[in-house]
Protein backbone atom coordinates (compact mmCIF):
# COMPACT_ATOMS: atom_id res chain seq x y z
CA MET A 1 -19.75 -16.05 11.36
CA ASN A 2 -20.82 -19.08 13.28
CA LYS A 3 -20.12 -22.54 11.96
CA ALA A 4 -23.79 -23.49 11.43
CA ARG A 5 -24.44 -20.45 9.26
CA ARG A 6 -21.27 -21.05 7.26
CA ASN A 7 -22.30 -24.68 6.69
CA ARG A 8 -25.74 -23.58 5.45
CA LEU A 9 -24.20 -21.06 3.06
CA GLU A 10 -21.69 -23.59 1.75
CA ALA A 11 -24.54 -26.09 1.23
CA ALA A 12 -26.32 -23.40 -0.81
CA GLY A 13 -23.26 -23.07 -3.05
CA TRP A 14 -21.42 -20.17 -1.42
CA LYS A 15 -17.64 -20.37 -1.37
CA PHE A 16 -15.33 -18.95 1.26
CA GLY A 17 -11.72 -17.96 0.84
CA SER A 18 -9.26 -15.12 0.83
CA ALA A 19 -8.81 -12.32 -1.69
CA GLN A 20 -5.69 -14.20 -2.80
CA ASP A 21 -7.80 -17.26 -3.61
CA PHE A 22 -10.51 -15.23 -5.35
CA LEU A 23 -8.02 -13.30 -7.50
CA GLY A 24 -5.70 -16.24 -8.08
CA LEU A 25 -2.66 -14.40 -6.74
CA THR A 26 0.63 -16.09 -5.99
CA ASP A 27 2.30 -15.60 -2.62
CA GLU A 28 4.84 -13.32 -4.31
CA GLU A 29 2.09 -11.15 -5.78
CA VAL A 30 0.49 -10.81 -2.35
CA ARG A 31 3.82 -9.77 -0.81
CA LEU A 32 4.35 -7.19 -3.56
CA ILE A 33 0.92 -5.71 -2.88
CA GLU A 34 1.70 -5.60 0.85
CA ILE A 35 4.97 -3.76 0.12
CA LYS A 36 3.19 -1.21 -2.08
CA ILE A 37 0.59 -0.62 0.64
CA ALA A 38 3.31 -0.16 3.26
CA LEU A 39 5.17 2.34 1.08
CA SER A 40 1.99 4.23 0.23
CA ARG A 41 1.02 4.54 3.89
CA GLY A 42 4.57 5.52 4.73
CA VAL A 43 4.51 8.39 2.22
CA ARG A 44 1.22 9.68 3.59
CA ASP A 45 2.25 9.33 7.23
CA LEU A 46 5.65 11.00 6.76
CA ARG A 47 4.18 13.83 4.70
CA ARG A 48 1.63 14.54 7.41
CA GLU A 49 4.24 14.23 10.14
CA LEU A 50 6.36 16.84 8.36
CA GLY A 51 3.35 19.09 7.87
CA LEU A 52 3.67 19.07 4.08
CA THR A 53 0.78 19.38 1.66
CA GLN A 54 0.53 17.06 -1.29
CA SER A 55 1.44 20.02 -3.50
CA GLU A 56 4.58 20.72 -1.50
CA LEU A 57 5.68 17.10 -1.76
CA ALA A 58 4.89 17.14 -5.48
CA GLU A 59 7.15 20.16 -5.91
CA ARG A 60 9.99 18.31 -4.18
CA LEU A 61 9.43 15.39 -6.55
CA GLY A 62 9.07 17.52 -9.66
CA SER A 63 5.63 16.02 -10.08
CA SER A 64 2.01 16.99 -9.58
CA GLN A 65 -0.31 17.05 -6.59
CA SER A 66 -2.56 14.54 -8.31
CA ARG A 67 0.35 12.12 -8.64
CA VAL A 68 1.05 12.40 -4.91
CA ALA A 69 -2.65 11.74 -4.28
CA LYS A 70 -2.33 8.61 -6.43
CA ILE A 71 0.68 7.48 -4.38
CA GLU A 72 -1.26 7.91 -1.16
CA GLY A 73 -4.41 6.41 -2.65
CA ARG A 74 -2.56 3.26 -3.71
CA GLU A 75 -3.30 3.74 -7.39
CA GLY A 76 -2.11 0.66 -9.26
CA THR A 77 -0.19 2.69 -11.84
CA VAL A 78 2.20 4.17 -9.27
CA SER A 79 5.60 2.49 -9.23
CA ILE A 80 7.46 1.39 -6.13
CA GLU A 81 10.31 3.56 -7.39
CA LEU A 82 8.15 6.70 -7.23
CA MET A 83 7.02 5.83 -3.71
CA VAL A 84 10.62 5.39 -2.58
CA ARG A 85 11.61 8.63 -4.33
CA ALA A 86 8.85 10.44 -2.42
CA LEU A 87 10.11 9.07 0.88
CA LEU A 88 13.69 10.04 0.06
CA ALA A 89 12.55 13.53 -1.01
CA MET A 90 11.14 13.98 2.48
CA GLY A 91 14.43 13.00 4.10
CA ALA A 92 13.92 9.30 4.70
CA THR A 93 16.99 7.10 4.42
CA ALA A 94 17.24 3.71 2.76
CA ARG A 95 17.26 2.21 6.24
CA ASP A 96 14.03 4.09 7.05
CA VAL A 97 12.41 2.65 3.92
CA ALA A 98 13.55 -0.87 4.84
CA ARG A 99 12.17 -0.49 8.38
CA LEU A 100 8.89 0.79 7.02
CA ILE A 101 8.50 -2.27 4.82
CA ALA A 102 9.63 -4.68 7.53
CA ARG A 103 7.29 -3.17 10.11
CA ARG A 104 4.19 -3.12 7.92
CA VAL A 105 4.57 -6.29 5.88
CA SER A 106 3.81 -9.59 7.56
């Protein structure tokens, strides 16, 4: 957006900012969200790389296909622990999980 347009919008009462500003999130909350996104993507990417279906991963976890879909869909109710368990169930190591977070989180 060019500066002139932004100035006109601000003069009309529009506000500009980040999602963090809008939601009132702390820096720590933003980092936690980034970690959950990285883990979620990591589960999906590794599952696909291994050629597993969501149902096959769910069986390894002793869970359901819908729960795996929630992991990959970044459902807010999914714990970081479950995401890490899914990665470990597919053969990832703790070091792999740490690299995944470090690579994807700014």
